[in-house]
PDB file of N, CA and C in Angstrom:
ATOM      1  N   UNK A   1       1.009  -1.186  -0.105  1.00  0.00           N
ATOM      2  CA  UNK A   1      -0.220   0.090  -0.126  1.00  0.00           C
ATOM      3  C   UNK A   1       0.872   1.230   0.044  1.00  0.00           C
ATOM      4  N   UNK A   2       1.829   1.204   1.024  1.00  0.00           N
ATOM      5  CA  UNK A   2       2.820   2.454   0.745  1.00  0.00           C
ATOM      6  C   UNK A   2       3.410   2.558  -0.434  1.00  0.00           C
ATOM      7  N   UNK A   3       3.803   1.470  -1.087  1.00  0.00           N
ATOM      8  CA  UNK A   3       4.294   1.653  -2.425  1.00  0.00           C
ATOM      9  C   UNK A   3       3.372   2.035  -3.511  1.00  0.00           C
ATOM     10  N   UNK A   4       2.268   1.614  -3.288  1.00  0.00           N
ATOM     11  CA  UNK A   4       1.183   2.393  -4.185  1.00  0.00           C
ATOM     12  C   UNK A   4       1.032   3.890  -4.025  1.00  0.00           C
ATOM     13  N   UNK A   5       1.074   4.202  -2.725  1.00  0.00           N
ATOM     14  CA  UNK A   5       0.968   5.498  -2.574  1.00  0.00           C
ATOM     15  C   UNK A   5       2.141   6.613  -3.137  1.00  0.00           C
ATOM     16  N   UNK A   6       3.438   5.793  -3.111  1.00  0.00           N
ATOM     17  CA  UNK A   6       4.738   6.361  -3.473  1.00  0.00           C
ATOM     18  C   UNK A   6       4.538   6.351  -5.195  1.00  0.00           C
ATOM     19  N   UNK A   7       3.862   5.486  -5.624  1.00  0.00           N
ATOM     20  CA  UNK A   7       3.804   5.475  -7.174  1.00  0.00           C
ATOM     21  C   UNK A   7       2.685   6.565  -7.653  1.00  0.00           C
ATOM     22  N   UNK A   8       1.575   6.946  -6.710  1.00  0.00           N
ATOM     23  CA  UNK A   8       0.676   7.808  -7.015  1.00  0.00           C
ATOM     24  C   UNK A   8       1.255   9.269  -6.933  1.00  0.00           C
ATOM     25  N   UNK A   9       2.149   9.399  -5.723  1.00  0.00           N
ATOM     26  CA  UNK A   9       2.627  10.606  -5.753  1.00  0.00           C
ATOM     27  C   UNK A   9       3.925  10.786  -6.742  1.00  0.00           C
ATOM     28  N   UNK A  10       4.225   9.697  -7.050  1.00  0.00           N
ATOM     29  CA  UNK A  10       5.426  10.047  -8.218  1.00  0.00           C
ATOM     30  C   UNK A  10       4.610  10.570  -9.498  1.00  0.00           C
ATOM     31  N   UNK A  11       3.706   9.825  -9.722  1.00  0.00           N
ATOM     32  CA  UNK A  11       2.861  10.267 -10.704  1.00  0.00           C
ATOM     33  C   UNK A  11       1.918  11.452 -10.843  1.00  0.00           C
ATOM     34  N   UNK A  12       1.648  12.014  -9.647  1.00  0.00           N
ATOM     35  CA  UNK A  12       1.215  13.316  -9.613  1.00  0.00           C
ATOM     36  C   UNK A  12       2.202  14.494  -9.486  1.00  0.00           C
ATOM     37  N   UNK A  13       3.494  13.870  -9.195  1.00  0.00           N
ATOM     38  CA  UNK A  13       4.483  15.064  -9.518  1.00  0.00           C
ATOM     39  C   UNK A  13       5.165  15.129 -10.814  1.00  0.00           C
ATOM     40  N   UNK A  14       4.861  13.903 -11.878  1.00  0.00           N
ATOM     41  CA  UNK A  14       5.053  14.137 -12.931  1.00  0.00           C
ATOM     42  C   UNK A  14       4.221  14.673 -13.803  1.00  0.00           C
ATOM     43  N   UNK A  15       2.931  14.321 -13.527  1.00  0.00           N
ATOM     44  CA  UNK A  15       1.836  15.272 -13.832  1.00  0.00           C
ATOM     45  C   UNK A  15       1.788  16.856 -13.743  1.00  0.00           C
ATOM     46  N   UNK A  16       2.435  16.994 -12.476  1.00  0.00           N
ATOM     47  CA  UNK A  16       2.413  18.666 -12.317  1.00  0.00           C
ATOM     48  C   UNK A  16       3.608  19.102 -12.913  1.00  0.00           C
ATOM     49  N   UNK A  17       4.659  18.360 -13.194  1.00  0.00           N
ATOM     50  CA  UNK A  17       5.823  18.820 -13.972  1.00  0.00           C
ATOM     51  C   UNK A  17       5.774  18.976 -15.430  1.00  0.00           C
ATOM     52  N   UNK A  18       4.578  18.062 -16.015  1.00  0.00           N
ATOM     53  CA  UNK A  18       4.449  18.130 -17.437  1.00  0.00           C
ATOM     54  C   UNK A  18       3.429  19.383 -17.406  1.00  0.00           C
ATOM     55  N   UNK A  19       2.657  19.776 -16.528  1.00  0.00           N
ATOM     56  CA  UNK A  19       1.917  20.850 -16.566  1.00  0.00           C
ATOM     57  C   UNK A  19       2.609  21.989 -16.531  1.00  0.00           C
ATOM     58  N   UNK A  20       3.503  22.429 -15.934  1.00  0.00           N
ATOM     59  CA  UNK A  20       4.372  23.443 -15.589  1.00  0.00           C
ATOM     60  C   UNK A  20       5.200  23.596 -16.934  1.00  0.00           C
ATOM     61  N   UNK A  21       5.756  22.191 -17.486  1.00  0.00           N
ATOM     62  CA  UNK A  21       6.525  22.412 -18.771  1.00  0.00           C
ATOM     63  C   UNK A  21       5.454  22.861 -19.817  1.00  0.00           C
ATOM     64  N   UNK A  22       4.360  22.390 -19.903  1.00  0.00           N
ATOM     65  CA  UNK A  22       3.510  22.933 -20.746  1.00  0.00           C
ATOM     66  C   UNK A  22       2.927  24.208 -21.011  1.00  0.00           C
ATOM     67  N   UNK A  23       2.969  24.785 -19.650  1.00  0.00           N
ATOM     68  CA  UNK A  23       2.453  25.901 -19.221  1.00  0.00           C
ATOM     69  C   UNK A  23       3.662  27.098 -19.771  1.00  0.00           C
ATOM     70  N   UNK A  24       4.934  26.613 -19.469  1.00  0.00           N
ATOM     71  CA  UNK A  24       6.356  27.439 -19.940  1.00  0.00           C
ATOM     72  C   UNK A  24       6.276  27.396 -21.300  1.00  0.00           C
ATOM     73  N   UNK A  25       5.918  26.270 -21.922  1.00  0.00           N
ATOM     74  CA  UNK A  25       6.026  26.120 -23.867  1.00  0.00           C
ATOM     75  C   UNK A  25       4.979  27.175 -24.053  1.00  0.00           C
ATOM     76  N   UNK A  26       3.885  26.966 -23.720  1.00  0.00           N
ATOM     77  CA  UNK A  26       2.675  27.704 -24.087  1.00  0.00           C
ATOM     78  C   UNK A  26       2.823  29.235 -23.734  1.00  0.00           C
ATOM     79  N   UNK A  27       3.471  29.754 -22.655  1.00  0.00           N
ATOM     80  CA  UNK A  27       4.047  31.178 -22.418  1.00  0.00           C
ATOM     81  C   UNK A  27       4.795  31.613 -23.397  1.00  0.00           C
ATOM     82  N   UNK A  28       5.998  30.646 -23.777  1.00  0.00           N
ATOM     83  CA  UNK A  28       7.367  30.802 -24.613  1.00  0.00           C
ATOM     84  C   UNK A  28       6.224  31.060 -25.934  1.00  0.00           C
ATOM     85  N   UNK A  29       5.528  30.364 -26.421  1.00  0.00           N
ATOM     86  CA  UNK A  29       4.844  30.437 -27.544  1.00  0.00           C
ATOM     87  C   UNK A  29       4.368  31.710 -27.728  1.00  0.00           C
ATOM     88  N   UNK A  30       3.223  32.053 -26.896  1.00  0.00           N
ATOM     89  CA  UNK A  30       2.535  33.175 -26.860  1.00  0.00           C
ATOM     90  C   UNK A  30       3.637  34.351 -26.885  1.00  0.00           C
ATOM     91  N   UNK A  31       4.841  34.431 -25.958  1.00  0.00           N
ATOM     92  CA  UNK A  31       5.781  35.576 -26.115  1.00  0.00           C
ATOM     93  C   UNK A  31       6.314  35.631 -27.598  1.00  0.00           C
ATOM     94  N   UNK A  32       6.541  34.399 -28.363  1.00  0.00           N
ATOM     95  CA  UNK A  32       7.242  34.459 -29.707  1.00  0.00           C
ATOM     96  C   UNK A  32       6.131  35.016 -30.549  1.00  0.00           C
ATOM     97  N   UNK A  33       4.828  34.756 -30.464  1.00  0.00           N
ATOM     98  CA  UNK A  33       3.778  35.084 -31.415  1.00  0.00           C
ATOM     99  C   UNK A  33       3.754  36.559 -31.077  1.00  0.00           C
ATOM    100  N   UNK A  34       3.718  37.020 -29.782  1.00  0.00           N
ATOM    101  CA  UNK A  34       3.634  38.604 -29.622  1.00  0.00           C
ATOM    102  C   UNK A  34       4.723  39.315 -30.299  1.00  0.00           C
ATOM    103  N   UNK A  35       5.999  38.874 -30.243  1.00  0.00           N
ATOM    104  CA  UNK A  35       7.345  39.400 -30.669  1.00  0.00           C
ATOM    105  C   UNK A  35       7.221  39.216 -32.401  1.00  0.00           C
ATOM    106  N   UNK A  36       6.645  38.030 -33.094  1.00  0.00           N
ATOM    107  CA  UNK A  36       6.296  37.854 -34.428  1.00  0.00           C
ATOM    108  C   UNK A  36       5.681  39.315 -34.857  1.00  0.00           C
ATOM    109  N   UNK A  37       4.505  39.644 -34.103  1.00  0.00           N
ATOM    110  CA  UNK A  37       3.697  40.406 -34.536  1.00  0.00           C
ATOM    111  C   UNK A  37       4.180  41.692 -34.336  1.00  0.00           C
ATOM    112  N   UNK A  38       4.871  42.060 -33.179  1.00  0.00           N
ATOM    113  CA  UNK A  38       5.488  43.458 -33.274  1.00  0.00           C
ATOM    114  C   UNK A  38       6.700  43.596 -34.280  1.00  0.00           C
ATOM    115  N   UNK A  39       7.261  42.468 -34.716  1.00  0.00           N
ATOM    116  CA  UNK A  39       8.302  42.369 -35.472  1.00  0.00           C
ATOM    117  C   UNK A  39       7.448  43.015 -37.004  1.00  0.00           C
ATOM    118  N   UNK A  40       6.448  42.249 -37.368  1.00  0.00           N
ATOM    119  CA  UNK A  40       5.896  42.243 -38.590  1.00  0.00           C
ATOM    120  C   UNK A  40       5.556  44.219 -38.639  1.00  0.00           C
ATOM    121  N   UNK A  41       4.664  44.441 -37.296  1.00  0.00           N
ATOM    122  CA  UNK A  41       4.036  45.618 -37.252  1.00  0.00           C
ATOM    123  C   UNK A  41       5.444  46.683 -37.847  1.00  0.00           C
ATOM    124  N   UNK A  42       6.553  46.262 -37.225  1.00  0.00           N
ATOM    125  CA  UNK A  42       7.499  47.476 -37.275  1.00  0.00           C
ATOM    126  C   UNK A  42       8.128  47.325 -38.544  1.00  0.00           C
ATOM    127  N   UNK A  43       8.023  46.186 -39.353  1.00  0.00           N
ATOM    128  CA  UNK A  43       8.542  45.952 -40.842  1.00  0.00           C
ATOM    129  C   UNK A  43       7.762  46.982 -41.704  1.00  0.00           C
ATOM    130  N   UNK A  44       6.428  46.505 -41.475  1.00  0.00           N
ATOM    131  CA  UNK A  44       5.390  47.482 -42.111  1.00  0.00           C
ATOM    132  C   UNK A  44       5.633  48.940 -42.058  1.00  0.00           C
ATOM    133  N   UNK A  45       5.752  49.528 -40.899  1.00  0.00           N
ATOM    134  CA  UNK A  45       6.015  51.028 -40.683  1.00  0.00           C
ATOM    135  C   UNK A  45       7.307  50.940 -41.527  1.00  0.00           C
ATOM    136  N   UNK A  46       8.347  50.469 -41.317  1.00  0.00           N
ATOM    137  CA  UNK A  46       9.744  50.560 -41.924  1.00  0.00           C
ATOM    138  C   UNK A  46       9.452  50.918 -43.484  1.00  0.00           C
ATOM    139  N   UNK A  47       8.608  49.658 -44.190  1.00  0.00           N
ATOM    140  CA  UNK A  47       8.223  49.858 -45.436  1.00  0.00           C
ATOM    141  C   UNK A  47       7.552  50.888 -45.693  1.00  0.00           C
ATOM    142  N   UNK A  48       6.581  51.573 -45.072  1.00  0.00           N
ATOM    143  CA  UNK A  48       5.676  52.669 -45.269  1.00  0.00           C
ATOM    144  C   UNK A  48       6.701  53.858 -45.346  1.00  0.00           C
ATOM    145  N   UNK A  49       7.694  54.017 -44.425  1.00  0.00           N
ATOM    146  CA  UNK A  49       8.781  55.153 -44.307  1.00  0.00           C
ATOM    147  C   UNK A  49       9.699  55.256 -45.386  1.00  0.00           C
ATOM    148  N   UNK A  50       9.951  53.702 -45.615  1.00  0.00           N
ATOM    149  CA  UNK A  50      10.806  53.670 -47.044  1.00  0.00           C
ATOM    150  C   UNK A  50      10.199  54.164 -48.313  1.00  0.00           C
ATOM    151  N   UNK A  51       8.868  53.700 -48.563  1.00  0.00           N
ATOM    152  CA  UNK A  51       8.256  54.253 -49.601  1.00  0.00           C
ATOM    153  C   UNK A  51       8.018  55.626 -49.769  1.00  0.00           C
ATOM    154  N   UNK A  52       7.691  56.305 -48.423  1.00  0.00           N
ATOM    155  CA  UNK A  52       7.677  57.770 -48.399  1.00  0.00           C
ATOM    156  C   UNK A  52       8.964  58.394 -48.596  1.00  0.00           C
ATOM    157  N   UNK A  53       9.909  57.959 -48.086  1.00  0.00           N
ATOM    158  CA  UNK A  53      11.506  58.316 -48.561  1.00  0.00           C
ATOM    159  C   UNK A  53      11.609  58.159 -50.245  1.00  0.00           C
ATOM    160  N   UNK A  54      11.239  57.527 -50.686  1.00  0.00           N
ATOM    161  CA  UNK A  54      11.643  56.992 -52.213  1.00  0.00           C
ATOM    162  C   UNK A  54      10.655  58.140 -52.900  1.00  0.00           C
ATOM    163  N   UNK A  55       9.470  58.363 -52.451  1.00  0.00           N
ATOM    164  CA  UNK A  55       8.456  59.266 -52.889  1.00  0.00           C
ATOM    165  C   UNK A  55       9.078  60.694 -53.124  1.00  0.00           C
ATOM    166  N   UNK A  56       9.740  61.029 -51.869  1.00  0.00           N
ATOM    167  CA  UNK A  56      10.079  62.419 -51.718  1.00  0.00           C
ATOM    168  C   UNK A  56      11.577  62.618 -52.476  1.00  0.00           C
ATOM    169  N   UNK A  57      12.329  61.493 -52.666  1.00  0.00           N
ATOM    170  CA  UNK A  57      13.382  61.502 -53.579  1.00  0.00           C
ATOM    171  C   UNK A  57      12.881  61.424 -54.935  1.00  0.00           C
ATOM    172  N   UNK A  58      11.966  61.070 -55.247  1.00  0.00           N
ATOM    173  CA  UNK A  58      11.587  61.061 -56.537  1.00  0.00           C
ATOM    174  C   UNK A  58      10.933  62.530 -57.007  1.00  0.00           C
ATOM    175  N   UNK A  59      10.248  62.903 -55.858  1.00  0.00           N
ATOM    176  CA  UNK A  59       9.611  64.473 -56.168  1.00  0.00           C
ATOM    177  C   UNK A  59      10.648  65.325 -56.378  1.00  0.00           C
ATOM    178  N   UNK A  60      11.812  65.331 -55.367  1.00  0.00           N
ATOM    179  CA  UNK A  60      13.247  66.065 -55.865  1.00  0.00           C
ATOM    180  C   UNK A  60      13.994  65.984 -56.690  1.00  0.00           C
ATOM    181  N   UNK A  61      14.103  64.815 -57.221  1.00  0.00           N
ATOM    182  CA  UNK A  61      14.678  64.313 -58.413  1.00  0.00           C
ATOM    183  C   UNK A  61      14.034  65.289 -59.563  1.00  0.00           C
ATOM    184  N   UNK A  62      12.561  65.194 -59.659  1.00  0.00           N
ATOM    185  CA  UNK A  62      11.791  65.708 -60.738  1.00  0.00           C
ATOM    186  C   UNK A  62      11.944  67.520 -60.760  1.00  0.00           C
ATOM    187  N   UNK A  63      11.843  68.150 -59.270  1.00  0.00           N
ATOM    188  CA  UNK A  63      12.204  69.256 -59.042  1.00  0.00           C
ATOM    189  C   UNK A  63      13.194  70.055 -59.309  1.00  0.00           C
ATOM    190  N   UNK A  64      14.294  69.241 -59.250  1.00  0.00           N
ATOM    191  CA  UNK A  64      15.606  69.549 -59.689  1.00  0.00           C
ATOM    192  C   UNK A  64      15.845  69.449 -61.411  1.00  0.00           C
ATOM    193  N   UNK A  65      15.266  68.330 -61.820  1.00  0.00           N
ATOM    194  CA  UNK A  65      15.194  68.338 -63.318  1.00  0.00           C
ATOM    195  C   UNK A  65      14.467  69.769 -63.843  1.00  0.00           C
ATOM    196  N   UNK A  66      13.239  69.837 -63.344  1.00  0.00           N
ATOM    197  CA  UNK A  66      12.252  71.057 -63.804  1.00  0.00           C
ATOM    198  C   UNK A  66      13.147  72.298 -63.778  1.00  0.00           C
ATOM    199  N   UNK A  67      14.045  72.734 -62.360  1.00  0.00           N
ATOM    200  CA  UNK A  67      14.688  73.699 -62.207  1.00  0.00           C
ATOM    201  C   UNK A  67      15.644  73.870 -63.325  1.00  0.00           C
ATOM    202  N   UNK A  68      16.470  72.789 -63.601  1.00  0.00           N
ATOM    203  CA  UNK A  68      17.543  72.717 -64.609  1.00  0.00           C
ATOM    204  C   UNK A  68      17.235  72.948 -65.916  1.00  0.00           C
ATOM    205  N   UNK A  69      15.812  72.804 -66.257  1.00  0.00           N
ATOM    206  CA  UNK A  69      15.220  72.572 -67.621  1.00  0.00           C
ATOM    207  C   UNK A  69      14.868  74.290 -67.782  1.00  0.00           C
ATOM    208  N   UNK A  70      14.319  74.782 -66.749  1.00  0.00           N
ATOM    209  CA  UNK A  70      13.574  76.141 -66.747  1.00  0.00           C
ATOM    210  C   UNK A  70      15.285  77.147 -66.778  1.00  0.00           C
ATOM    211  N   UNK A  71      16.042  76.867 -66.134  1.00  0.00           N
ATOM    212  CA  UNK A  71      17.248  77.424 -66.409  1.00  0.00           C
ATOM    213  C   UNK A  71      17.992  77.303 -67.636  1.00  0.00           C
ATOM    214  N   UNK A  72      17.909  76.172 -68.243  1.00  0.00           N
ATOM    215  CA  UNK A  72      18.268  76.166 -69.572  1.00  0.00           C
ATOM    216  C   UNK A  72      17.623  76.862 -70.491  1.00  0.00           C
ATOM    217  N   UNK A  73      16.288  76.951 -70.362  1.00  0.00           N
ATOM    218  CA  UNK A  73      15.210  77.560 -71.200  1.00  0.00           C
ATOM    219  C   UNK A  73      15.568  79.068 -71.011  1.00  0.00           C
ATOM    220  N   UNK A  74      15.678  79.605 -69.901  1.00  0.00           N
ATOM    221  CA  UNK A  74      16.111  81.055 -69.701  1.00  0.00           C
ATOM    222  C   UNK A  74      17.481  81.077 -70.186  1.00  0.00           C
ATOM    223  N   UNK A  75      18.313  80.640 -70.205  1.00  0.00           N
ATOM    224  CA  UNK A  75      19.501  80.907 -70.848  1.00  0.00           C
ATOM    225  C   UNK A  75      19.751  80.939 -72.354  1.00  0.00           C
ATOM    226  N   UNK A  76      18.704  80.140 -72.696  1.00  0.00           N
ATOM    227  CA  UNK A  76      18.346  79.859 -74.301  1.00  0.00           C
ATOM    228  C   UNK A  76      17.887  81.287 -74.534  1.00  0.00           C
ATOM    229  N   UNK A  77      16.758  81.956 -73.902  1.00  0.00           N
ATOM    230  CA  UNK A  77      16.399  83.056 -74.349  1.00  0.00           C
ATOM    231  C   UNK A  77      17.301  84.161 -74.062  1.00  0.00           C
ATOM    232  N   UNK A  78      17.999  84.134 -73.336  1.00  0.00           N
ATOM    233  CA  UNK A  78      18.981  85.237 -72.792  1.00  0.00           C
ATOM    234  C   UNK A  78      20.029  85.481 -74.125  1.00  0.00           C
ATOM    235  N   UNK A  79      20.451  84.368 -74.600  1.00  0.00           N
ATOM    236  CA  UNK A  79      21.149  84.080 -75.463  1.00  0.00           C
ATOM    237  C   UNK A  79      20.796  84.578 -76.946  1.00  0.00           C
ATOM    238  N   UNK A  80      19.390  83.992 -76.998  1.00  0.00           N
ATOM    239  CA  UNK A  80      18.603  84.436 -78.177  1.00  0.00           C
ATOM    240  C   UNK A  80      18.286  86.088 -78.463  1.00  0.00           C
ATOM    241  N   UNK A  81      18.113  86.514 -77.148  1.00  0.00           N
ATOM    242  CA  UNK A  81      18.119  88.138 -77.079  1.00  0.00           C
ATOM    243  C   UNK A  81      19.242  88.780 -77.602  1.00  0.00           C
ATOM    244  N   UNK A  82      20.377  88.534 -76.832  1.00  0.00           N
ATOM    245  CA  UNK A  82      21.760  88.968 -77.032  1.00  0.00           C
ATOM    246  C   UNK A  82      21.933  88.911 -78.474  1.00  0.00           C
ATOM    247  N   UNK A  83      21.785  87.914 -79.501  1.00  0.00           N
ATOM    248  CA  UNK A  83      22.260  87.459 -80.627  1.00  0.00           C
ATOM    249  C   UNK A  83      21.389  88.673 -81.514  1.00  0.00           C
ATOM    250  N   UNK A  84      19.988  88.802 -81.198  1.00  0.00           N
ATOM    251  CA  UNK A  84      18.974  89.520 -81.661  1.00  0.00           C
ATOM    252  C   UNK A  84      19.481  91.038 -81.664  1.00  0.00           C
ATOM    253  N   UNK A  85      20.135  91.597 -80.523  1.00  0.00           N
ATOM    254  CA  UNK A  85      20.615  92.705 -80.237  1.00  0.00           C
ATOM    255  C   UNK A  85      21.696  93.140 -81.051  1.00  0.00           C
ATOM    256  N   UNK A  86      22.387  92.251 -80.994  1.00  0.00           N
ATOM    257  CA  UNK A  86      23.872  92.090 -81.749  1.00  0.00           C
ATOM    258  C   UNK A  86      23.618  92.362 -83.189  1.00  0.00           C
ATOM    259  N   UNK A  87      22.813  91.566 -83.566  1.00  0.00           N
ATOM    260  CA  UNK A  87      22.375  91.880 -85.280  1.00  0.00           C
ATOM    261  C   UNK A  87      21.878  93.043 -85.306  1.00  0.00           C
ATOM    262  N   UNK A  88      20.994  93.997 -84.688  1.00  0.00           N
ATOM    263  CA  UNK A  88      20.412  95.356 -84.958  1.00  0.00           C
ATOM    264  C   UNK A  88      21.371  96.294 -84.793  1.00  0.00           C
ATOM    265  N   UNK A  89      22.554  95.880 -83.709  1.00  0.00           N
ATOM    266  CA  UNK A  89      23.610  96.948 -83.774  1.00  0.00           C
ATOM    267  C   UNK A  89      24.264  96.819 -85.062  1.00  0.00           C
ATOM    268  N   UNK A  90      24.930  95.696 -85.482  1.00  0.00           N
ATOM    269  CA  UNK A  90      25.329  95.540 -86.664  1.00  0.00           C
ATOM    270  C   UNK A  90      24.703  96.174 -88.126  1.00  0.00           C
ATOM    271  N   UNK A  91      23.307  95.854 -87.930  1.00  0.00           N
ATOM    272  CA  UNK A  91      22.521  96.450 -88.987  1.00  0.00           C
ATOM    273  C   UNK A  91      22.495  97.968 -89.052  1.00  0.00           C
ATOM    274  N   UNK A  92      22.360  98.498 -87.782  1.00  0.00           N
ATOM    275  CA  UNK A  92      22.270  99.893 -87.799  1.00  0.00           C
ATOM    276  C   UNK A  92      23.689 100.698 -88.086  1.00  0.00           C
ATOM    277  N   UNK A  93      24.771  99.789 -87.578  1.00  0.00           N
ATOM    278  CA  UNK A  93      26.274 100.527 -87.932  1.00  0.00           C
ATOM    279  C   UNK A  93      26.214 100.355 -89.455  1.00  0.00           C
ATOM    280  N   UNK A  94      26.015  99.272 -90.198  1.00  0.00           N
ATOM    281  CA  UNK A  94      25.600  99.314 -91.571  1.00  0.00           C
ATOM    282  C   UNK A  94      24.966 100.313 -92.026  1.00  0.00           C
ATOM    283  N   UNK A  95      23.716 100.614 -91.450  1.00  0.00           N
ATOM    284  CA  UNK A  95      22.854 101.619 -92.081  1.00  0.00           C
ATOM    285  C   UNK A  95      23.632 103.066 -91.786  1.00  0.00           C
ATOM    286  N   UNK A  96      24.412 103.160 -90.785  1.00  0.00           N
ATOM    287  CA  UNK A  96      24.687 104.332 -90.684  1.00  0.00           C
ATOM    288  C   UNK A  96      26.350 104.680 -91.815  1.00  0.00           C
ATOM    289  N   UNK A  97      26.977 103.673 -92.016  1.00  0.00           N
ATOM    290  CA  UNK A  97      28.004 103.478 -92.838  1.00  0.00           C
ATOM    291  C   UNK A  97      27.388 104.172 -94.310  1.00  0.00           C
ATOM    292  N   UNK A  98      26.435 103.062 -94.421  1.00  0.00           N
ATOM    293  CA  UNK A  98      25.624 103.637 -95.965  1.00  0.00           C
ATOM    294  C   UNK A  98      25.192 104.818 -96.102  1.00  0.00           C
ATOM    295  N   UNK A  99      24.809 105.491 -94.943  1.00  0.00           N
ATOM    296  CA  UNK A  99      24.262 106.834 -95.127  1.00  0.00           C
ATOM    297  C   UNK A  99      25.321 107.814 -95.271  1.00  0.00           C
ATOM    298  N   UNK A 100      26.555 107.601 -94.643  1.00  0.00           N
ATOM    299  CA  UNK A 100      27.664 108.398 -94.977  1.00  0.00           C
ATOM    300  C   UNK A 100      28.267 108.606 -96.282  1.00  0.00           C
ATOM    301  N   UNK A 101      27.933 107.287 -96.734  1.00  0.00           N
ATOM    302  CA  UNK A 101      28.774 107.239 -98.267  1.00  0.00           C
ATOM    303  C   UNK A 101      27.902 107.964 -99.248  1.00  0.00           C
TER     304      UNK A 101
END
């Protein structure tokens, strides 16, 4: 009978140990799931930030290209006007020469 009690107590001890082990594994699994969720959330936030940075960089690139194109257009107009003025001066000088002769 004493042997039976010892066996029962041993079995109960094993059951408690198994329950504790299962509880620890369950807690660990819950913690891991929680960490995975946090990591996924962080990754999504980083992806959103990365997309925003890429969009801003593309906007800035487009803005710079437009500025450069505008500057080039202005320079071409200035040069065109300078050439027209030079031509007028030459024509006026030629007219003055013709008038003197």
